[in-house]
Amino acid sequence: MGSLKFVNKNFLKIKTRFQDSRVFISTAINRLHPIKIELDKDLEDKLLKEELKPKKHYGVNKVPISKLPDRIMDSMKKVVGDYSIKQLIESGQVLNRYLFARKAPLENETIKEKVKEFAEIIENDPKKFKLPEVPPDPKNEILSKHYMEMKRNRIDQLLRQRVYAWQAVNYNDYQSLLYLFGRAPQEYASLIRIFNEIKRRDPNFKPTSFFDFGSGVGTGVWAVSEFWGSSIYEYYLIDASKSMSDLSDLILRDGSLNKPTMVRNVYQRQFLPSRNIKYNIVLSSYSMFEQPTLINRLEIANNLWNKTQDYLIFVENGSNSGFKLLCEIRDFLIDLKGKTNEDAFIFSPCPHESECPRFTLNDGTPCNFEVRYNTLPFSGTQKILSHLYSYLVIKKGKSEANSDKWPRIVRPTIVRSKHTMCHLCTKEGEIQNIIITESKHGRPTYRCAKHSNWGDQFPINKMEHYEKPNLRLKSFIEKIKNKHNGETENNIDEENKTSQ
């Protein structure tokens, strides 16, 4: 009995530590079959020789807490006109919350299915919906027509109550200002982190052209020019809203149309050009939710693919809806790549081209990442906030570097005494929750794990389970299972006695 108490106490202790049951199960399996890890050899040698610090290992994509460039913030103060900056920030945050909670519009087929479903619900319980229990005789045209109108009204009511009503956002002059003050800092921060990884992993990349679909207030230009401003000589910006484009242009001109733009050769348009001129970097950030159908989104993705010379980038809010939308585009582009036999691969965040394992887990959480940024300093105390985003970077050409297949850390690293837990998305298309210790995996690997964060790559070339499982833990888990099964059987016996 004492041993069962010990088992139960330890079970609850571990389960409390890892609240998510999936993490608990995965951790138990990982301890049962410890994972052998092979750190990148070149990195390991440099760590052992102390030529490189673990906090600067090859997979780290650390960026400072982001803040908008001073020249951009100076321009923002000049473009507000007669509006109060404080009011613009407050109303901008309302718009920001609305946009983050937004969902993609339902397809027509889905809406038709919902109408059919609600019609059946009403027919099965007409009294609840204040309809006659027996429909009128079809021969009585007046009553039948009235009945059908009432039924349609009830269906419309259910649609309004239970189905997300997507609406396009009309970005007029005022709405564009709200977007600028409510969204620019966090969007800029996410792009800085994405571009930083490209710059770090591809240091010889020197783009000369940049194409931004859904350019909005210009965050893409601000961010990309921080990394390659000296080499890019053409910025081609597309946004359906003329107000957005005008505001973007005014900001780049320091708030005055008489001044030149801060970067050279900026071209603003409202529609995608038909000509297929290729650009080194093609970006679509926070813009796909404005498309009314999946077909529209995939047509745009196809168009942007054809315009890409090197890097194609998609960014959306890190919500379930944003993640799902990006997965649709990801699957489409992988299929398109196969059909056209064009060399390309997913540069980040995925180290594989299989189905996203988040869908396999089906735990209701998206594949997203976090970036920290400074709020605007215009209204009192400046704060540091975080923003969740999902993204996809595809690179044209062949994958040649081992780092392209390094696992990605997809949740915050948990550092404890003498061990570290990392949640990794691997090149096999699986999510592995692994516990790394110095005694089992060596000092270099352990120290790299301690200094790795959410969104980094983990520089290991090989992961495999040891052949011999942890027999002690196996026995421990068996005791828990047996105890649980025994309690279940006792409960069933008690219920049977009660029923008799």
Protein backbone atom coordinates (compact mmCIF):
# COMPACT_ATOMS: atom_id res chain seq x y z
CA MET A 1 0.00 0.00 0.00
CA GLY A 2 2.89 2.31 0.83
CA SER A 3 4.40 1.80 -2.61
CA LEU A 4 1.09 2.71 -4.25
CA LYS A 5 0.98 5.91 -2.20
CA PHE A 6 4.48 6.72 -3.40
CA VAL A 7 3.53 6.05 -7.01
CA ASN A 8 0.38 8.16 -6.73
CA LYS A 9 2.26 11.06 -5.11
CA ASN A 10 4.93 11.03 -7.81
CA PHE A 11 2.35 10.72 -10.55
CA LEU A 12 0.48 13.78 -9.30
CA LYS A 13 3.73 15.69 -8.84
CA ILE A 14 4.79 15.06 -12.44
CA LYS A 15 1.31 15.73 -13.79
CA THR A 16 1.12 19.03 -11.91
CA ARG A 17 4.49 20.06 -13.28
CA PHE A 18 3.32 19.42 -16.82
CA GLN A 19 -0.28 20.58 -16.89
CA ASP A 20 -0.80 19.64 -20.53
CA SER A 21 -1.48 15.88 -20.58
CA ARG A 22 0.11 15.52 -24.01
CA VAL A 23 3.35 16.98 -22.69
CA PHE A 24 3.14 14.64 -19.70
CA ILE A 25 2.66 11.54 -21.86
CA SER A 26 5.34 12.60 -24.32
CA THR A 27 7.74 13.27 -21.45
CA ALA A 28 7.08 9.86 -19.93
CA ILE A 29 7.71 8.16 -23.27
CA ASN A 30 10.85 10.22 -23.73
CA ARG A 31 12.13 9.08 -20.34
CA LEU A 32 11.14 5.50 -21.14
CA HIS A 33 13.08 5.64 -24.42
CA PRO A 34 15.80 8.30 -23.91
CA ILE A 35 16.78 10.15 -27.06
CA LYS A 36 20.32 10.15 -28.41
CA ILE A 37 21.31 13.52 -29.87
CA GLU A 38 24.12 14.33 -32.27
CA LEU A 39 25.09 17.99 -32.04
CA ASP A 40 26.46 19.71 -35.13
CA LYS A 41 30.12 18.61 -35.19
CA ASP A 42 31.62 21.98 -36.11
CA LEU A 43 29.61 23.70 -33.39
CA GLU A 44 30.55 21.08 -30.80
CA ASP A 45 34.26 21.51 -31.56
CA LYS A 46 34.05 25.28 -31.18
CA LEU A 47 32.17 24.97 -27.90
CA LEU A 48 34.70 22.51 -26.49
CA LYS A 49 37.57 24.79 -27.54
CA GLU A 50 35.65 27.75 -26.06
CA GLU A 51 35.83 29.57 -29.40
CA LEU A 52 32.07 30.16 -29.23
CA LYS A 53 29.68 30.73 -26.35
CA PRO A 54 26.57 28.50 -26.11
CA LYS A 55 24.28 31.54 -26.06
CA LYS A 56 25.55 32.35 -29.57
CA HIS A 57 25.22 28.88 -31.07
CA TYR A 58 24.34 28.58 -34.77
CA GLY A 59 20.59 28.14 -34.25
CA VAL A 60 19.98 31.21 -32.09
CA ASN A 61 17.86 33.90 -33.72
CA LYS A 62 17.95 36.46 -30.94
CA VAL A 63 16.94 40.03 -31.71
CA PRO A 64 16.77 42.99 -29.31
CA ILE A 65 13.37 44.11 -28.06
CA SER A 66 12.05 45.87 -31.12
CA LYS A 67 11.18 49.53 -31.44
CA LEU A 68 10.23 51.53 -34.49
CA PRO A 69 13.05 53.58 -36.06
CA ASP A 70 13.24 57.14 -34.73
CA ARG A 71 12.79 58.63 -38.21
CA ILE A 72 9.54 56.67 -38.63
CA MET A 73 8.19 57.78 -35.25
CA ASP A 74 9.05 61.38 -36.10
CA SER A 75 7.05 61.03 -39.32
CA MET A 76 4.12 59.48 -37.47
CA LYS A 77 3.78 62.60 -35.34
CA LYS A 78 3.60 64.72 -38.50
CA VAL A 79 0.91 62.75 -40.37
CA VAL A 80 -1.86 62.76 -37.72
CA GLY A 81 -3.37 66.08 -38.78
CA ASP A 82 -5.91 67.32 -36.25
CA TYR A 83 -6.37 63.94 -34.56
CA SER A 84 -5.23 63.32 -30.98
CA ILE A 85 -2.32 60.86 -30.87
CA LYS A 86 -3.57 59.49 -27.54
CA GLN A 87 -6.99 58.83 -29.04
CA LEU A 88 -5.45 57.23 -32.13
CA ILE A 89 -3.42 54.84 -29.96
CA GLU A 90 -6.44 53.87 -27.83
CA SER A 91 -8.72 53.34 -30.83
CA GLY A 92 -5.86 51.62 -32.66
CA GLN A 93 -5.68 49.02 -29.89
CA VAL A 94 -9.39 48.30 -30.32
CA LEU A 95 -8.77 47.71 -34.03
CA ASN A 96 -5.73 45.55 -33.16
CA ARG A 97 -7.79 43.27 -30.89
CA TYR A 98 -10.47 42.96 -33.55
CA LEU A 99 -7.95 42.00 -36.23
CA PHE A 100 -6.22 39.42 -34.03
CA ALA A 101 -9.53 37.73 -33.21
CA ARG A 102 -10.60 37.77 -36.85
CA LYS A 103 -11.40 34.57 -38.74
CA ALA A 104 -11.22 33.77 -42.42
CA PRO A 105 -14.53 34.06 -44.30
CA LEU A 106 -16.51 30.86 -44.73
CA GLU A 107 -16.72 29.33 -48.17
CA ASN A 108 -20.12 29.34 -49.93
CA GLU A 109 -20.33 25.54 -49.70
CA THR A 110 -19.82 25.69 -45.94
CA ILE A 111 -22.54 28.32 -45.57
CA LYS A 112 -24.95 26.16 -47.62
CA GLU A 113 -24.22 23.22 -45.33
CA LYS A 114 -24.92 25.40 -42.29
CA VAL A 115 -28.23 26.56 -43.78
CA LYS A 116 -29.24 22.93 -44.34
CA GLU A 117 -28.16 22.00 -40.81
CA PHE A 118 -30.14 24.86 -39.22
CA ALA A 119 -33.21 24.02 -41.33
CA GLU A 120 -33.17 20.48 -39.92
CA ILE A 121 -32.78 21.80 -36.37
CA ILE A 122 -35.83 24.04 -36.84
CA GLU A 123 -37.91 21.26 -38.43
CA ASN A 124 -37.10 18.88 -35.57
CA ASP A 125 -38.26 21.35 -32.91
CA PRO A 126 -40.57 23.94 -34.55
CA LYS A 127 -42.20 24.87 -31.23
CA LYS A 128 -38.88 26.14 -29.87
CA PHE A 129 -38.57 28.48 -32.84
CA LYS A 130 -42.21 29.62 -32.64
CA LEU A 131 -43.29 27.88 -35.81
CA PRO A 132 -46.38 25.73 -36.40
CA GLU A 133 -45.75 22.10 -35.45
CA VAL A 134 -47.40 21.04 -38.70
CA PRO A 135 -46.45 22.99 -41.85
CA PRO A 136 -49.43 24.44 -43.77
CA ASP A 137 -50.83 22.70 -46.82
CA PRO A 138 -48.69 23.65 -49.87
CA LYS A 139 -51.92 24.29 -51.78
CA ASN A 140 -52.57 27.25 -49.51
CA GLU A 141 -50.10 29.64 -51.15
CA ILE A 142 -50.57 32.51 -48.69
CA LEU A 143 -49.95 30.41 -45.56
CA SER A 144 -47.12 28.46 -47.20
CA LYS A 145 -45.39 31.66 -48.27
CA HIS A 146 -45.74 33.13 -44.77
CA TYR A 147 -44.41 29.91 -43.21
CA MET A 148 -41.35 29.84 -45.50
CA GLU A 149 -40.58 33.50 -44.70
CA MET A 150 -40.76 32.76 -40.97
CA LYS A 151 -38.50 29.73 -41.43
CA ARG A 152 -35.96 31.73 -43.44
CA ASN A 153 -35.95 34.40 -40.73
CA ARG A 154 -35.22 31.75 -38.08
CA ILE A 155 -32.38 30.32 -40.21
CA ASP A 156 -30.92 33.81 -40.71
CA GLN A 157 -31.14 34.37 -36.97
CA LEU A 158 -29.20 31.16 -36.28
CA LEU A 159 -26.62 32.12 -38.90
CA ARG A 160 -26.07 35.47 -37.19
CA GLN A 161 -25.80 33.80 -33.77
CA ARG A 162 -23.63 30.79 -34.61
CA VAL A 163 -21.64 31.57 -37.76
CA TYR A 164 -18.77 34.05 -37.97
CA ALA A 165 -19.81 37.01 -40.12
CA TRP A 166 -16.69 38.07 -42.00
CA GLN A 167 -16.56 41.60 -43.34
CA ALA A 168 -13.89 43.35 -45.36
CA VAL A 169 -12.29 46.28 -43.54
CA ASN A 170 -12.62 49.60 -45.33
CA TYR A 171 -9.34 51.38 -44.70
CA ASN A 172 -10.19 55.02 -45.23
CA ASP A 173 -7.93 57.86 -44.03
CA TYR A 174 -8.96 57.51 -40.38
CA GLN A 175 -8.88 53.69 -40.31
CA SER A 176 -5.42 53.80 -41.88
CA LEU A 177 -4.19 56.03 -39.06
CA LEU A 178 -5.69 53.64 -36.50
CA TYR A 179 -3.85 50.77 -38.18
CA LEU A 180 -0.61 52.74 -38.08
CA PHE A 181 -0.84 53.48 -34.36
CA GLY A 182 -2.42 50.16 -33.36
CA ARG A 183 -0.45 47.65 -35.43
CA ALA A 184 2.83 49.07 -36.78
CA PRO A 185 5.12 48.30 -33.78
CA GLN A 186 4.27 44.59 -33.54
CA GLU A 187 4.17 43.98 -37.29
CA TYR A 188 7.55 45.65 -37.68
CA ALA A 189 8.92 43.51 -34.82
CA SER A 190 7.82 40.22 -36.40
CA LEU A 191 9.34 41.18 -39.77
CA ILE A 192 12.62 42.20 -38.13
CA ARG A 193 12.92 38.75 -36.58
CA ILE A 194 12.11 36.96 -39.85
CA PHE A 195 14.56 39.06 -41.89
CA ASN A 196 17.20 38.64 -39.18
CA GLU A 197 17.11 34.87 -39.62
CA ILE A 198 17.48 35.17 -43.39
CA LYS A 199 20.43 37.54 -42.94
CA ARG A 200 22.06 35.26 -40.37
CA ARG A 201 21.65 32.00 -42.28
CA ASP A 202 22.27 33.46 -45.74
CA PRO A 203 24.95 36.14 -45.16
CA ASN A 204 25.91 36.36 -48.85
CA PHE A 205 22.36 37.20 -49.92
CA LYS A 206 22.27 40.73 -51.39
CA PRO A 207 18.77 41.48 -52.71
CA THR A 208 18.25 44.26 -55.21
CA SER A 209 14.44 44.24 -55.36
CA PHE A 210 11.57 43.94 -52.88
CA PHE A 211 7.88 43.26 -53.60
CA ASP A 212 5.28 43.76 -50.85
CA PHE A 213 1.70 42.59 -51.37
CA GLY A 214 -0.70 44.21 -48.90
CA SER A 215 1.98 46.70 -47.92
CA GLY A 216 -0.30 48.65 -45.58
CA VAL A 217 1.42 51.54 -43.85
CA GLY A 218 4.86 50.39 -45.02
CA THR A 219 6.22 48.20 -42.21
CA GLY A 220 7.74 45.84 -44.80
CA VAL A 221 9.84 48.63 -46.33
CA TRP A 222 10.95 49.89 -42.91
CA ALA A 223 12.08 46.41 -41.83
CA VAL A 224 13.72 45.18 -45.04
CA SER A 225 15.69 48.42 -45.45
CA GLU A 226 17.24 47.89 -42.00
CA PHE A 227 19.02 44.81 -43.38
CA TRP A 228 19.53 45.42 -47.09
CA GLY A 229 18.88 49.13 -47.59
CA SER A 230 22.24 49.58 -49.30
CA SER A 231 21.62 46.92 -51.96
CA ILE A 232 17.88 47.19 -52.72
CA TYR A 233 17.18 49.72 -55.46
CA GLU A 234 13.50 48.93 -56.14
CA TYR A 235 10.58 48.69 -53.70
CA TYR A 236 7.28 47.69 -55.31
CA LEU A 237 4.31 48.10 -52.93
CA ILE A 238 0.77 46.85 -53.54
CA ASP A 239 -2.24 47.81 -51.40
CA ALA A 240 -5.89 47.94 -52.41
CA SER A 241 -6.51 50.93 -50.13
CA LYS A 242 -5.45 54.24 -51.64
CA SER A 243 -5.58 55.79 -48.17
CA MET A 244 -3.08 53.22 -46.90
CA SER A 245 -0.75 53.79 -49.85
CA ASP A 246 -0.93 57.58 -49.46
CA LEU A 247 -0.18 57.33 -45.74
CA SER A 248 2.72 54.95 -46.38
CA ASP A 249 4.17 57.36 -48.94
CA LEU A 250 3.75 60.34 -46.61
CA ILE A 251 5.59 58.55 -43.78
CA LEU A 252 8.50 57.70 -46.08
CA ARG A 253 8.66 61.40 -47.01
CA ASP A 254 9.00 62.54 -43.38
CA GLY A 255 5.43 63.82 -43.33
CA SER A 256 5.80 66.17 -46.30
CA LEU A 257 5.03 65.43 -49.96
CA ASN A 258 7.73 67.92 -50.97
CA LYS A 259 10.49 65.77 -49.48
CA PRO A 260 12.13 62.71 -51.11
CA THR A 261 11.41 59.22 -49.76
CA MET A 262 13.74 57.79 -47.13
CA VAL A 263 14.57 54.89 -49.45
CA ARG A 264 15.08 55.09 -53.20
CA ASN A 265 12.75 53.97 -55.98
CA VAL A 266 9.50 53.24 -54.16
CA TYR A 267 6.56 52.41 -56.43
CA GLN A 268 3.01 52.33 -55.01
CA ARG A 269 0.19 50.48 -56.80
CA GLN A 270 -3.34 49.30 -55.94
CA PHE A 271 -3.39 46.09 -57.99
CA LEU A 272 -1.06 43.21 -58.74
CA PRO A 273 0.77 43.79 -62.04
CA SER A 274 0.17 41.22 -64.77
CA ARG A 275 3.80 41.13 -65.90
CA ASN A 276 5.89 38.44 -64.25
CA ILE A 277 9.01 40.36 -63.32
CA LYS A 278 10.80 38.52 -60.51
CA TYR A 279 11.88 40.07 -57.22
CA ASN A 280 14.50 38.87 -54.75
CA ILE A 281 12.16 39.15 -51.78
CA VAL A 282 8.38 38.83 -52.08
CA LEU A 283 6.35 39.52 -48.93
CA SER A 284 2.72 39.17 -47.92
CA SER A 285 2.28 40.23 -44.31
CA TYR A 286 -1.03 40.38 -42.46
CA SER A 287 -2.99 40.73 -45.70
CA MET A 288 -4.61 37.39 -46.59
CA PHE A 289 -7.58 37.83 -44.24
CA GLU A 290 -8.82 40.55 -46.59
CA GLN A 291 -9.41 37.97 -49.34
CA PRO A 292 -13.05 36.76 -49.44
CA THR A 293 -12.43 33.15 -50.56
CA LEU A 294 -9.84 30.40 -50.45
CA ILE A 295 -9.59 30.53 -54.25
CA ASN A 296 -8.65 34.22 -54.06
CA ARG A 297 -5.95 33.49 -51.50
CA LEU A 298 -4.46 30.62 -53.49
CA GLU A 299 -4.52 32.64 -56.72
CA ILE A 300 -2.56 35.39 -54.97
CA ALA A 301 -0.12 32.83 -53.53
CA ASN A 302 0.39 31.42 -57.03
CA ASN A 303 0.94 34.93 -58.43
CA LEU A 304 3.47 35.77 -55.71
CA TRP A 305 5.24 32.46 -56.28
CA ASN A 306 5.72 33.37 -59.94
CA LYS A 307 7.19 36.75 -58.93
CA THR A 308 9.72 35.25 -56.52
CA GLN A 309 13.39 35.04 -57.41
CA ASP A 310 14.74 34.03 -53.99
CA TYR A 311 12.54 34.37 -50.89
CA LEU A 312 8.74 34.21 -50.59
CA ILE A 313 7.42 35.21 -47.15
CA PHE A 314 3.93 35.01 -45.61
CA VAL A 315 3.12 36.38 -42.14
CA GLU A 316 -0.18 36.38 -40.25
CA ASN A 317 -1.42 36.74 -36.68
CA GLY A 318 -0.46 33.78 -34.49
CA SER A 319 -4.08 32.81 -33.84
CA ASN A 320 -5.66 29.49 -34.78
CA SER A 321 -7.27 31.18 -37.77
CA GLY A 322 -4.01 32.75 -38.94
CA PHE A 323 -2.19 29.44 -38.57
CA LYS A 324 -4.89 27.53 -40.49
CA LEU A 325 -4.82 30.09 -43.29
CA LEU A 326 -1.04 29.79 -43.62
CA CYS A 327 -1.24 25.99 -43.64
CA GLU A 328 -3.59 26.15 -46.64
CA ILE A 329 -1.07 28.30 -48.50
CA ARG A 330 1.82 26.07 -47.38
CA ASP A 331 0.13 22.89 -48.66
CA PHE A 332 -0.78 24.60 -51.93
CA LEU A 333 2.78 25.81 -52.58
CA ILE A 334 4.31 22.42 -51.73
CA ASP A 335 1.92 20.82 -54.23
CA LEU A 336 2.66 23.55 -56.80
CA LYS A 337 6.40 23.03 -56.37
CA GLY A 338 5.97 19.33 -57.09
CA LYS A 339 3.87 19.91 -60.20
CA THR A 340 6.21 22.51 -61.70
CA ASN A 341 9.39 20.60 -60.73
CA GLU A 342 10.85 23.90 -59.56
CA ASP A 343 13.63 23.71 -56.97
CA ALA A 344 12.48 25.27 -53.70
CA PHE A 345 12.24 24.36 -50.02
CA ILE A 346 10.75 25.63 -46.79
CA PHE A 347 13.44 27.83 -45.27
CA SER A 348 11.60 28.45 -42.00
CA PRO A 349 10.04 27.68 -39.64
CA CYS A 350 9.44 24.07 -40.79
CA PRO A 351 12.39 21.66 -41.14
CA HIS A 352 10.16 19.37 -43.24
CA GLU A 353 7.48 19.43 -45.94
CA SER A 354 5.11 16.89 -44.36
CA GLU A 355 1.71 17.75 -42.93
CA CYS A 356 2.04 20.09 -39.97
CA PRO A 357 2.21 17.92 -36.81
CA ARG A 358 0.08 20.48 -34.97
CA PHE A 359 -2.86 19.11 -36.96
CA THR A 360 -1.92 15.56 -35.97
CA LEU A 361 -1.82 16.53 -32.29
CA ASN A 362 -5.17 18.29 -32.68
CA ASP A 363 -4.69 20.02 -29.34
CA GLY A 364 -6.22 23.32 -30.41
CA THR A 365 -2.94 25.25 -30.39
CA PRO A 366 -1.40 26.86 -33.47
CA CYS A 367 2.21 26.84 -34.59
CA ASN A 368 3.14 30.37 -33.64
CA PHE A 369 6.05 32.37 -32.31
CA GLU A 370 6.53 35.32 -29.98
CA VAL A 371 8.30 38.60 -30.48
CA ARG A 372 8.70 41.41 -27.93
CA TYR A 373 8.42 45.07 -28.82
CA ASN A 374 8.26 48.54 -27.31
CA THR A 375 4.97 50.36 -27.49
CA LEU A 376 4.84 53.85 -28.96
CA PRO A 377 6.30 56.49 -26.62
CA PHE A 378 3.76 59.17 -27.51
CA SER A 379 1.33 58.81 -24.62
CA GLY A 380 3.04 58.40 -21.29
CA THR A 381 5.03 55.38 -20.14
CA GLN A 382 6.47 53.10 -22.79
CA LYS A 383 5.74 49.40 -22.24
CA ILE A 384 7.24 46.16 -23.49
CA LEU A 385 4.59 43.86 -24.94
CA SER A 386 4.64 40.57 -26.84
CA HIS A 387 3.02 39.63 -30.14
CA LEU A 388 2.22 36.16 -31.47
CA TYR A 389 2.65 35.56 -35.18
CA SER A 390 2.72 32.64 -37.61
CA TYR A 391 4.86 32.71 -40.72
CA LEU A 392 6.22 30.80 -43.69
CA VAL A 393 9.44 31.44 -45.64
CA ILE A 394 10.09 29.54 -48.87
CA LYS A 395 13.40 29.80 -50.67
CA LYS A 396 13.79 29.12 -54.38
CA GLY A 397 16.68 26.79 -55.25
CA LYS A 398 18.05 23.62 -53.68
CA SER A 399 18.57 23.07 -49.97
CA GLU A 400 22.29 22.53 -49.42
CA ALA A 401 22.97 23.40 -45.77
CA ASN A 402 22.49 20.93 -42.89
CA SER A 403 20.95 23.78 -40.91
CA ASP A 404 17.91 23.75 -43.20
CA LYS A 405 16.82 20.51 -41.49
CA TRP A 406 17.68 21.39 -37.91
CA PRO A 407 14.69 21.04 -35.53
CA ARG A 408 12.76 24.18 -34.64
CA ILE A 409 11.88 25.00 -31.02
CA VAL A 410 8.12 25.53 -31.17
CA ARG A 411 7.30 26.34 -27.55
CA PRO A 412 9.11 28.13 -24.70
CA THR A 413 12.10 26.16 -23.43
CA ILE A 414 11.64 24.93 -19.86
CA VAL A 415 14.88 25.21 -17.88
CA ARG A 416 15.03 23.33 -14.58
CA SER A 417 17.77 22.21 -12.23
CA LYS A 418 20.14 19.93 -14.16
CA HIS A 419 17.78 19.43 -17.10
CA THR A 420 16.08 21.37 -19.89
CA MET A 421 12.94 20.48 -21.83
CA CYS A 422 12.71 21.47 -25.49
CA HIS A 423 9.64 21.15 -27.70
CA LEU A 424 11.02 20.43 -31.16
CA CYS A 425 9.49 20.17 -34.62
CA THR A 426 11.78 17.72 -36.44
CA LYS A 427 12.70 16.97 -40.05
CA GLU A 428 10.57 13.80 -39.80
CA GLY A 429 7.49 16.00 -39.40
CA GLU A 430 6.99 15.18 -35.72
CA ILE A 431 6.85 17.18 -32.51
CA GLN A 432 9.27 15.78 -29.94
CA ASN A 433 9.31 16.91 -26.33
CA ILE A 434 12.81 16.01 -25.20
CA ILE A 435 14.59 16.34 -21.88
CA ILE A 436 18.26 17.21 -22.19
CA THR A 437 20.74 16.65 -19.38
CA GLU A 438 24.48 17.07 -19.16
CA SER A 439 24.99 13.50 -17.96
CA LYS A 440 23.10 11.89 -20.87
CA HIS A 441 23.79 14.27 -23.74
CA GLY A 442 27.06 15.98 -22.87
CA ARG A 443 27.94 19.48 -21.71
CA PRO A 444 27.90 21.23 -25.14
CA THR A 445 24.42 19.94 -26.04
CA TYR A 446 23.04 20.69 -22.58
CA ARG A 447 24.41 24.25 -22.56
CA CYS A 448 23.03 24.89 -26.07
CA ALA A 449 19.61 23.72 -24.90
CA LYS A 450 19.73 26.05 -21.87
CA HIS A 451 20.44 29.04 -24.12
CA SER A 452 17.86 28.20 -26.79
CA ASN A 453 14.51 29.94 -26.97
CA TRP A 454 11.13 29.68 -28.63
CA GLY A 455 11.60 30.13 -32.38
CA ASP A 456 15.30 29.18 -32.48
CA GLN A 457 16.69 26.22 -34.37
CA PHE A 458 18.32 23.50 -32.30
CA PRO A 459 21.63 22.64 -34.05
CA ILE A 460 21.45 18.85 -34.04
CA ASN A 461 21.93 16.68 -37.11
CA LYS A 462 20.57 13.43 -35.68
CA MET A 463 18.02 12.26 -33.13
CA GLU A 464 17.29 8.64 -32.30
CA HIS A 465 16.01 6.59 -29.38
CA TYR A 466 18.42 4.45 -27.41
CA GLU A 467 17.79 0.74 -27.94
CA LYS A 468 17.45 -0.03 -24.23
CA PRO A 469 14.47 1.64 -22.56
CA ASN A 470 14.54 2.97 -19.02
CA LEU A 471 13.31 -0.18 -17.23
CA ARG A 472 12.87 1.58 -13.90
CA LEU A 473 10.50 4.15 -15.38
CA LYS A 474 8.73 1.42 -17.38
CA SER A 475 7.97 -0.39 -14.12
CA PHE A 476 6.83 2.91 -12.57
CA ILE A 477 4.38 3.60 -15.43
CA GLU A 478 3.05 0.01 -15.30
CA LYS A 479 2.26 0.44 -11.59
CA ILE A 480 0.32 3.61 -12.33
CA LYS A 481 -1.63 1.92 -15.12
CA ASN A 482 -2.41 -1.14 -12.97
CA LYS A 483 -3.54 1.03 -10.07
CA HIS A 484 -5.74 3.09 -12.39
CA ASN A 485 -7.28 -0.05 -13.94
CA GLY A 486 -7.90 -1.52 -10.49
CA GLU A 487 -9.71 1.61 -9.30
CA THR A 488 -11.83 1.60 -12.47
CA GLU A 489 -12.87 -2.03 -11.90
CA ASN A 490 -13.77 -1.29 -8.24
CA ASN A 491 -15.91 1.67 -9.31
CA ILE A 492 -17.75 -0.52 -11.83
CA ASP A 493 -18.39 -3.20 -9.15
CA GLU A 494 -19.75 -0.56 -6.76
CA GLU A 495 -22.04 0.83 -9.46
CA ASN A 496 -23.34 -2.67 -10.24
CA LYS A 497 -24.07 -3.33 -6.54
CA THR A 498 -25.90 -0.01 -6.25
CA SER A 499 -28.01 -0.73 -9.32
CA GLN A 500 -28.97 -4.16 -7.94
